[in-house]
Protein backbone atom coordinates (compact mmCIF):
# COMPACT_ATOMS: atom_id res chain seq x y z
CA MET A 1 148.14 131.56 110.70
CA SER A 2 144.65 131.59 110.51
CA TYR A 3 142.84 128.29 111.67
CA LEU A 4 139.25 127.21 110.87
CA PHE A 5 137.74 125.41 113.61
CA ASN A 6 134.23 124.38 112.57
CA SER A 7 133.94 120.99 114.25
CA VAL A 8 134.72 120.11 117.97
CA SER A 9 134.27 116.78 119.47
CA ILE A 10 135.28 116.41 123.72
CA VAL A 11 135.66 112.84 124.79
CA GLY A 12 134.02 112.91 128.32
CA LEU A 13 131.44 115.13 129.59
CA GLY A 14 131.23 114.71 133.01
CA TYR A 15 132.09 117.88 135.76
CA ILE A 16 134.69 119.80 133.01
CA GLY A 17 134.16 118.05 130.08
CA LEU A 18 130.22 118.91 130.40
CA PRO A 19 130.76 122.99 130.78
CA THR A 20 133.25 122.61 128.06
CA ALA A 21 131.54 121.38 124.96
CA ALA A 22 128.56 124.35 125.68
CA VAL A 23 130.27 127.91 126.14
CA ILE A 24 132.54 126.29 122.59
CA ALA A 25 129.15 125.61 121.48
CA SER A 26 127.98 129.02 122.80
CA HIS A 27 130.45 130.51 120.03
CA LYS A 28 128.64 128.96 117.18
CA VAL A 29 131.25 126.41 116.84
CA GLN A 30 129.29 122.84 116.34
CA VAL A 31 130.50 120.58 119.33
CA ALA A 32 130.33 116.67 119.55
CA GLY A 33 130.80 115.16 122.95
CA VAL A 34 131.29 111.69 123.45
CA ASP A 35 130.57 109.62 126.67
CA ILE A 36 130.52 105.92 127.25
CA ASN A 37 127.56 106.31 129.56
CA PRO A 38 123.96 106.14 127.00
CA SER A 39 122.08 107.42 129.63
CA VAL A 40 124.18 110.35 129.99
CA THR A 41 124.03 111.86 126.33
CA ASP A 42 120.28 110.77 125.89
CA LEU A 43 119.36 113.28 128.71
CA ILE A 44 122.17 116.12 126.97
CA ASN A 45 120.37 115.36 123.54
CA GLN A 46 116.86 116.53 125.16
CA GLY A 47 118.76 119.29 126.34
CA LYS A 48 119.07 118.29 129.72
CA ILE A 49 122.10 117.98 132.33
CA HIS A 50 123.08 114.82 135.04
CA ILE A 51 125.24 117.34 137.18
CA VAL A 52 124.80 120.46 139.49
CA GLU A 53 126.65 123.57 138.31
CA PRO A 54 124.51 127.11 137.68
CA ASP A 55 123.64 128.48 134.45
CA LEU A 56 124.72 125.07 133.11
CA GLU A 57 121.31 123.15 132.67
CA GLN A 58 119.77 126.92 130.46
CA LEU A 59 122.70 126.49 128.34
CA VAL A 60 123.22 123.32 127.54
CA LYS A 61 119.81 123.55 126.34
CA SER A 62 120.28 126.13 124.34
CA VAL A 63 122.96 125.37 122.56
CA VAL A 64 120.87 121.71 121.87
CA GLN A 65 117.96 123.57 120.96
CA GLU A 66 119.72 126.14 117.99
CA GLY A 67 121.72 122.23 116.36
CA TYR A 68 125.45 123.29 117.90
CA LEU A 69 125.47 120.32 120.50
CA SER A 70 124.40 116.63 120.56
CA ALA A 71 126.51 114.19 122.10
CA SER A 72 127.03 110.73 121.69
CA THR A 73 128.52 106.78 122.45
CA GLU A 74 130.24 106.88 119.34
CA ALA A 75 133.39 109.24 118.11
CA HIS A 76 133.06 111.42 114.28
CA SER A 77 135.00 113.68 112.69
CA ALA A 78 136.39 117.22 113.88
CA ASP A 79 138.60 120.05 113.42
CA VAL A 80 140.04 119.43 117.37
CA PHE A 81 139.60 116.56 119.82
CA ILE A 82 139.81 117.21 123.28
CA ILE A 83 140.29 114.73 126.21
CA SER A 84 138.77 115.21 129.20
CA VAL A 85 138.33 112.78 130.91
CA PRO A 86 138.67 110.70 134.62
CA THR A 87 142.64 110.22 136.16
CA PRO A 88 142.66 108.82 139.02
CA PHE A 89 145.09 107.11 141.23
CA LYS A 90 144.82 102.96 141.95
CA GLY A 91 146.11 101.11 144.30
CA GLU A 92 149.35 102.85 146.33
CA HIS A 93 148.74 106.37 144.63
CA THR A 94 149.53 105.29 141.80
CA PRO A 95 147.94 107.83 139.05
CA ASP A 96 145.45 105.88 136.43
CA LEU A 97 145.76 106.63 132.66
CA SER A 98 143.98 104.31 131.15
CA TYR A 99 140.52 106.60 130.48
CA VAL A 100 142.77 108.60 128.54
CA ARG A 101 144.23 105.96 126.54
CA SER A 102 140.72 104.55 125.67
CA ALA A 103 139.98 107.82 124.77
CA CYS A 104 142.55 108.25 122.36
CA GLU A 105 141.96 104.70 120.92
CA THR A 106 138.28 106.12 121.52
CA ILE A 107 139.08 108.73 118.71
CA ALA A 108 142.50 107.62 116.29
CA PRO A 109 140.06 106.47 113.98
CA VAL A 110 138.57 109.31 113.25
CA LEU A 111 141.38 111.69 113.41
CA LYS A 112 142.64 112.79 109.79
CA GLN A 113 145.53 115.38 108.19
CA GLY A 114 145.38 118.74 110.40
CA ASP A 115 143.69 117.85 113.11
CA LEU A 116 144.64 119.27 116.60
CA VAL A 117 143.92 117.05 119.58
CA ILE A 118 143.83 118.66 123.43
CA LEU A 119 145.10 117.00 126.38
CA GLU A 120 143.16 118.70 129.64
CA SER A 121 142.54 116.25 131.85
CA THR A 122 144.80 116.86 135.16
CA SER A 123 148.43 114.41 134.71
CA PRO A 124 150.89 113.06 135.50
CA VAL A 125 154.76 114.60 133.99
CA GLY A 126 155.11 113.49 130.89
CA THR A 127 150.87 112.08 130.04
CA THR A 128 150.60 114.19 126.74
CA GLU A 129 153.56 112.84 124.88
CA LYS A 130 152.06 109.53 125.48
CA VAL A 131 149.34 110.91 124.44
CA SER A 132 151.47 111.46 120.93
CA ASP A 133 152.70 107.43 121.58
CA TRP A 134 149.36 105.85 121.48
CA LEU A 135 147.37 107.61 119.15
CA ALA A 136 150.93 107.18 116.35
CA ALA A 137 150.39 103.72 118.39
CA ASN A 138 146.54 103.53 116.34
CA ARG A 139 148.10 105.65 113.38
CA SER A 140 150.55 104.51 110.82
CA ASP A 141 149.59 106.57 108.75
CA LEU A 142 149.58 109.83 110.34
CA LYS A 143 152.24 112.24 111.10
CA PHE A 144 152.89 112.78 115.25
CA PRO A 145 154.95 115.33 117.11
CA GLN A 146 157.26 113.41 118.85
CA TYR A 147 158.03 111.81 115.34
CA ASP A 148 158.25 114.31 113.02
CA ARG A 149 158.91 118.20 115.10
CA ASP A 150 158.39 120.28 111.73
CA VAL A 151 155.18 119.34 109.96
CA PRO A 152 153.39 116.79 112.02
CA ASP A 153 149.55 116.12 109.92
CA VAL A 154 148.08 115.70 114.29
CA PHE A 155 148.85 118.97 116.23
CA ILE A 156 149.50 118.19 120.38
CA ALA A 157 148.84 120.40 123.72
CA HIS A 158 148.37 120.08 127.01
CA CYS A 159 145.69 122.74 128.69
CA PRO A 160 144.68 122.28 131.35
CA GLU A 161 141.05 123.26 133.28
CA ARG A 162 141.37 125.44 136.45
CA VAL A 163 137.80 126.14 137.49
CA LEU A 164 135.98 125.86 140.23
CA PRO A 165 132.76 124.44 141.15
CA GLY A 166 129.77 125.94 141.52
CA ARG A 167 131.74 128.95 139.20
CA ILE A 168 133.09 126.93 135.96
CA ILE A 169 130.88 128.38 133.30
CA ARG A 170 132.15 132.30 133.85
CA GLU A 171 135.50 130.33 135.27
CA LEU A 172 136.21 129.02 131.53
CA VAL A 173 135.90 131.98 129.87
CA ASP A 174 137.44 134.51 132.43
CA ASN A 175 140.30 132.67 133.81
CA ASP A 176 143.68 133.08 131.18
CA ARG A 177 144.55 129.14 130.36
CA VAL A 178 148.04 127.72 130.82
CA ILE A 179 148.46 125.81 126.58
CA GLY A 180 151.66 123.39 126.24
CA GLY A 181 152.03 122.07 122.76
CA LEU A 182 154.60 119.28 121.93
CA THR A 183 156.24 121.84 119.88
CA PRO A 184 155.75 125.61 118.98
CA SER A 185 153.39 124.94 116.31
CA CYS A 186 151.00 122.51 118.47
CA SER A 187 150.73 125.48 121.14
CA GLU A 188 150.37 128.56 118.40
CA LYS A 189 147.65 126.13 117.04
CA ALA A 190 145.56 125.94 120.57
CA ALA A 191 146.15 129.07 121.83
CA ALA A 192 144.14 129.66 118.16
CA PHE A 193 141.07 127.72 119.20
CA TYR A 194 141.24 129.04 122.91
CA GLN A 195 141.22 132.48 122.27
CA ILE A 196 137.75 132.07 120.79
CA PHE A 197 135.86 131.79 123.33
CA VAL A 198 138.53 132.47 125.93
CA LYS A 199 139.04 136.50 127.03
CA GLY A 200 141.63 135.96 129.83
CA GLU A 201 144.82 135.49 128.52
CA CYS A 202 146.33 132.54 127.03
CA ILE A 203 150.09 132.05 127.84
CA LEU A 204 152.15 129.16 125.69
CA THR A 205 155.17 126.86 127.24
CA ASP A 206 155.37 123.53 126.69
CA ALA A 207 153.21 120.93 127.46
CA ARG A 208 155.36 119.41 130.52
CA THR A 209 155.54 122.75 132.36
CA ALA A 210 151.91 123.13 130.95
CA GLU A 211 151.12 119.92 133.28
CA MET A 212 153.62 120.69 136.51
CA THR A 213 151.99 123.77 136.41
CA LYS A 214 148.44 122.52 137.44
CA LEU A 215 149.46 120.50 139.43
CA THR A 216 151.92 122.34 141.50
CA GLU A 217 149.03 124.76 141.99
CA ASN A 218 147.07 121.30 143.56
CA ALA A 219 149.49 120.96 145.65
CA PHE A 220 150.15 124.37 147.13
CA ARG A 221 146.61 124.70 148.12
CA ASP A 222 147.07 121.24 149.54
CA VAL A 223 149.89 122.43 151.11
CA ASN A 224 147.93 125.34 152.67
CA ILE A 225 144.97 123.42 153.75
CA ALA A 226 147.20 120.68 155.80
CA TYR A 227 148.13 123.91 157.25
CA ALA A 228 144.67 125.19 158.73
CA ASN A 229 143.64 121.43 159.07
CA GLU A 230 146.55 120.80 161.33
CA LEU A 231 146.00 124.10 163.23
CA SER A 232 142.87 122.14 164.23
CA LEU A 233 144.66 120.15 166.01
CA LEU A 234 146.64 121.61 167.94
CA CYS A 235 144.34 123.63 168.73
CA ASP A 236 142.00 121.03 169.96
CA LYS A 237 144.78 119.78 172.27
CA PHE A 238 145.97 123.10 173.59
CA ASN A 239 142.18 124.38 174.26
CA VAL A 240 142.40 126.73 171.84
CA ASP A 241 138.89 128.02 169.51
CA VAL A 242 140.99 127.53 165.20
CA TRP A 243 138.43 129.89 164.35
CA GLU A 244 138.92 132.68 166.47
CA LEU A 245 143.05 131.97 166.32
CA ILE A 246 142.90 131.95 162.36
CA SER A 247 140.79 135.56 162.47
CA LEU A 248 143.54 137.23 164.44
CA ALA A 249 146.46 135.96 162.66
CA ASN A 250 145.34 136.57 159.42
CA ARG A 251 145.40 140.50 160.60
CA HIS A 252 149.28 139.96 160.14
CA PRO A 253 149.23 141.73 157.03
CA ARG A 254 151.54 139.01 155.06
CA VAL A 255 149.80 136.14 156.65
CA ASN A 256 146.35 134.20 154.87
CA ILE A 257 145.74 131.00 157.03
CA LEU A 258 142.79 129.37 154.92
CA SER A 259 140.14 127.32 156.41
CA PRO A 260 140.50 124.04 158.31
CA GLY A 261 137.35 121.59 157.63
CA PRO A 262 137.07 117.50 157.48
CA GLY A 263 139.74 116.58 155.85
CA PHE A 264 139.92 117.70 151.71
CA GLY A 265 138.47 116.55 148.53
CA GLY A 266 137.20 117.06 145.58
CA HIS A 267 138.06 115.48 141.68
CA CYS A 268 142.07 117.62 141.65
CA ILE A 269 143.29 118.54 144.44
CA ALA A 270 142.81 114.83 146.31
CA VAL A 271 144.46 113.36 143.56
CA ASP A 272 147.34 115.45 141.84
CA PRO A 273 149.48 115.78 144.42
CA TRP A 274 150.19 112.23 144.54
CA PHE A 275 151.50 112.05 140.63
CA LEU A 276 154.44 114.01 141.83
CA VAL A 277 154.96 112.21 144.76
CA SER A 278 154.16 109.17 142.69
CA ALA A 279 157.20 110.18 140.34
CA ALA A 280 159.54 112.02 142.70
CA PRO A 281 159.12 110.27 145.92
CA ASP A 282 162.73 111.05 147.73
CA ASP A 283 161.58 114.95 147.15
CA ALA A 284 158.99 115.61 147.31
CA ARG A 285 158.81 114.95 151.44
CA LEU A 286 156.46 118.49 152.04
CA ILE A 287 153.60 117.23 149.21
CA ARG A 288 153.04 114.10 150.50
CA CYS A 289 153.46 115.27 154.31
CA ALA A 290 150.47 117.53 153.89
CA ARG A 291 148.52 114.95 151.49
CA GLU A 292 148.88 112.82 154.68
CA VAL A 293 147.40 115.76 157.20
CA ASN A 294 144.63 115.79 154.79
CA ASP A 295 144.12 112.43 154.77
CA SER A 296 144.39 111.45 157.69
CA LYS A 297 141.85 114.35 159.22
CA PRO A 298 138.91 112.48 158.70
CA PHE A 299 140.31 109.44 160.80
CA TRP A 300 140.28 112.69 163.75
CA VAL A 301 137.29 113.79 163.26
CA MET A 302 134.89 110.16 163.75
CA GLU A 303 137.23 110.41 167.38
CA GLN A 304 135.41 113.42 168.26
CA VAL A 305 132.03 111.90 167.19
CA LYS A 306 132.87 108.21 168.55
CA SER A 307 133.72 110.55 172.10
CA ALA A 308 131.06 112.82 171.71
CA CYS A 309 128.79 109.46 171.11
CA LEU A 310 129.92 107.70 174.29
CA ASP A 311 129.53 110.80 176.58
CA ILE A 312 125.44 110.53 176.03
CA ALA A 313 125.62 106.87 176.17
CA ILE A 314 127.59 107.28 179.80
CA GLN A 315 125.35 111.27 180.63
CA GLU A 316 121.89 109.27 179.72
CA ASN A 317 122.59 105.53 181.00
CA ARG A 318 121.66 104.60 177.02
CA PRO A 319 122.88 101.50 174.83
CA ILE A 320 125.51 103.72 172.07
CA SER A 321 122.98 101.79 169.71
CA GLU A 322 120.60 104.72 170.59
CA VAL A 323 122.64 107.78 170.51
CA CYS A 324 121.52 108.90 166.89
CA VAL A 325 124.28 111.35 164.72
CA ALA A 326 122.86 113.53 162.38
CA CYS A 327 125.71 114.25 159.68
CA PHE A 328 125.37 117.44 157.81
CA GLY A 329 126.64 117.78 154.39
CA LEU A 330 128.41 114.32 152.08
CA THR A 331 129.83 116.21 149.00
CA PHE A 332 133.46 118.06 148.85
CA LYS A 333 132.50 121.76 149.65
CA ALA A 334 129.29 123.78 149.89
CA ASP A 335 126.60 124.08 147.46
CA ILE A 336 127.12 121.50 144.83
CA ASP A 337 126.58 117.76 144.08
CA ASP A 338 129.96 116.52 143.84
CA LEU A 339 130.98 113.48 146.30
CA ARG A 340 134.71 112.83 144.44
CA GLN A 341 137.39 112.19 147.26
CA SER A 342 135.12 113.63 150.41
CA PRO A 343 136.47 113.31 153.84
CA SER A 344 132.94 114.12 154.72
CA LEU A 345 131.45 111.04 152.99
CA ARG A 346 134.77 108.80 154.30
CA ILE A 347 134.06 110.00 157.44
CA VAL A 348 129.59 109.13 157.12
CA GLU A 349 131.19 105.72 155.30
CA GLU A 350 133.29 104.20 158.45
CA LEU A 351 130.52 105.83 160.87
CA ASP A 352 128.24 103.66 158.55
CA ARG A 353 130.40 100.83 158.14
CA GLU A 354 130.83 100.41 162.26
CA GLY A 355 126.81 99.79 162.50
CA GLU A 356 127.46 101.61 166.31
CA TYR A 357 124.57 104.48 166.42
CA GLN A 358 121.30 105.57 164.52
CA LEU A 359 123.11 107.31 161.73
CA LEU A 360 121.50 109.87 159.78
CA ALA A 361 122.56 112.34 156.31
CA VAL A 362 121.64 115.98 155.71
CA GLU A 363 122.72 116.14 151.55
CA PRO A 364 120.31 118.86 150.36
CA HIS A 365 121.76 118.20 147.10
CA CYS A 366 121.30 114.73 146.43
CA ASP A 367 118.19 113.40 145.64
CA VAL A 368 119.09 110.07 147.41
CA VAL A 369 121.60 108.39 149.93
CA PRO A 370 124.80 106.58 148.19
CA ASN A 371 125.07 102.95 148.04
CA THR A 372 128.19 102.63 149.39
CA LEU A 373 126.50 104.07 152.47
CA LYS A 374 123.61 100.73 153.91
CA ASN A 375 123.28 102.14 157.79
CA THR A 376 122.43 105.88 156.87
CA THR A 377 118.81 107.13 156.12
CA LEU A 378 119.08 110.74 154.21
CA VAL A 379 116.60 113.27 155.88
CA SER A 380 115.88 116.60 155.53
CA SER A 381 117.49 119.13 157.88
CA GLU A 382 114.65 119.67 160.10
CA GLN A 383 114.03 115.75 160.47
CA ALA A 384 118.18 115.64 161.63
CA LEU A 385 117.68 118.19 163.83
CA GLU A 386 114.72 117.27 165.87
CA ALA A 387 116.02 112.79 166.12
CA ALA A 388 119.48 113.51 166.50
CA ASP A 389 121.97 113.58 169.76
CA VAL A 390 124.95 114.75 168.06
CA CYS A 391 124.76 116.98 165.30
CA VAL A 392 128.10 116.41 162.35
CA LEU A 393 128.76 120.16 160.34
CA LEU A 394 130.50 118.67 157.70
CA VAL A 395 129.95 120.43 154.87
CA ASP A 396 129.05 124.58 154.91
CA HIS A 397 126.49 124.59 152.56
CA SER A 398 123.91 127.41 152.51
CA GLU A 399 121.01 126.20 153.97
CA PHE A 400 123.43 124.71 156.81
CA LYS A 401 124.46 128.83 157.30
CA GLN A 402 120.33 129.13 157.69
CA LEU A 403 118.95 126.53 160.13
CA PRO A 404 117.81 128.22 163.87
CA ILE A 405 120.44 127.88 166.75
CA THR A 406 117.60 127.14 168.78
CA GLY A 407 117.36 123.42 167.47
CA ILE A 408 120.91 123.17 167.88
CA LYS A 409 121.12 124.79 171.30
CA SER A 410 120.06 121.16 173.09
CA LYS A 411 122.66 118.79 170.38
CA ALA A 412 125.33 117.39 171.32
CA VAL A 413 127.24 119.78 168.62
CA VAL A 414 130.98 118.95 166.33
CA ASP A 415 131.20 121.47 164.09
CA LEU A 416 133.83 121.06 161.10
CA LYS A 417 133.67 124.47 159.62
CA GLY A 418 133.44 127.00 162.39
CA ILE A 419 129.16 127.89 161.10
CA TRP A 420 127.58 127.15 164.46
CA LYS A 421 130.48 127.94 166.02
CA ALA A 422 127.92 130.00 169.05
CA VAL A 423 126.44 127.01 169.92
CA SER A 424 128.94 123.81 169.78
């Protein structure tokens, strides 16, 4: 069957929504982005961006100038609607679907017969069905898949994003996509749409399997990172170099241990496994354990920092309040500006809250210190190395790998990424 997709509306212009909008617009499709933040929409309409992602700024500038991308705080009629809003958790790791529901209420008034609605937000199993329910509740004049499965007026599918920050533009095009419709016809129509810009394979399934696929991918990564983080705790207890250990173990042809760090963050992997635990707490035991290991790692790091500070205070007969700690990196991974669910930021926030030390932060991808840090000064790497007694390496930004070893040797070092191993 042949489909026409002349216009696309993307609700949510964040780390996934804006790159997706720009990539689709670059294929000469009219794209209207929707975001609740007017400063974001104003910036995009000027051809500028509010996030850091390689190649994105030039792409947005180009498609805006060519007239294929615009942004607004209101939804307008389109052939395809993509929901790309956050799905955080609330309270005791309960999924918060309020953003998805709000997006449904935003687009419902402008839906028409033949439209395609795609949920890209990573969501608990069953959310795509809720999307259909929420839309149906607002548009009783239209037929939706759960009530008229053969020939609905509005086609609904789930296609989770699966890109890596720092490589989003390329992976939006090259990666395979898992597309799960509420009916086979919904899957087919959604696949036809993605084939406009996706070079990877578009694999069709049902909505629940598509939802579970993304959660499974993220839980897999979380479990493997938890293993590496737990190894780092054991190695510290046994006085073994974890970096050497992993390097040696990975020489086995069927072993590939990942690298430990200060925890594990980001908008997906630090959140999504809890969707499975919340839905099936008695069965998702390994997934829960992995999350708990990764969530607890920042507290172990804080104890390492406190121990280093206490040693300096005792050795130099100084008040603990005069010990200066420089924390290198606040983002959740290297060479991006994304602070969401960052264990590094959490560590600095806790140290900041306790207020026992002079606290410096080095984050080359942020212009200002996050407002959660009341007693922390944002400085350059050079300033930090000059002033600090304790250097805490939390994120392996490229800039930090180039710092002179001579400037680090005289410091107490807590290296969570292994790049200053030679001096720690």
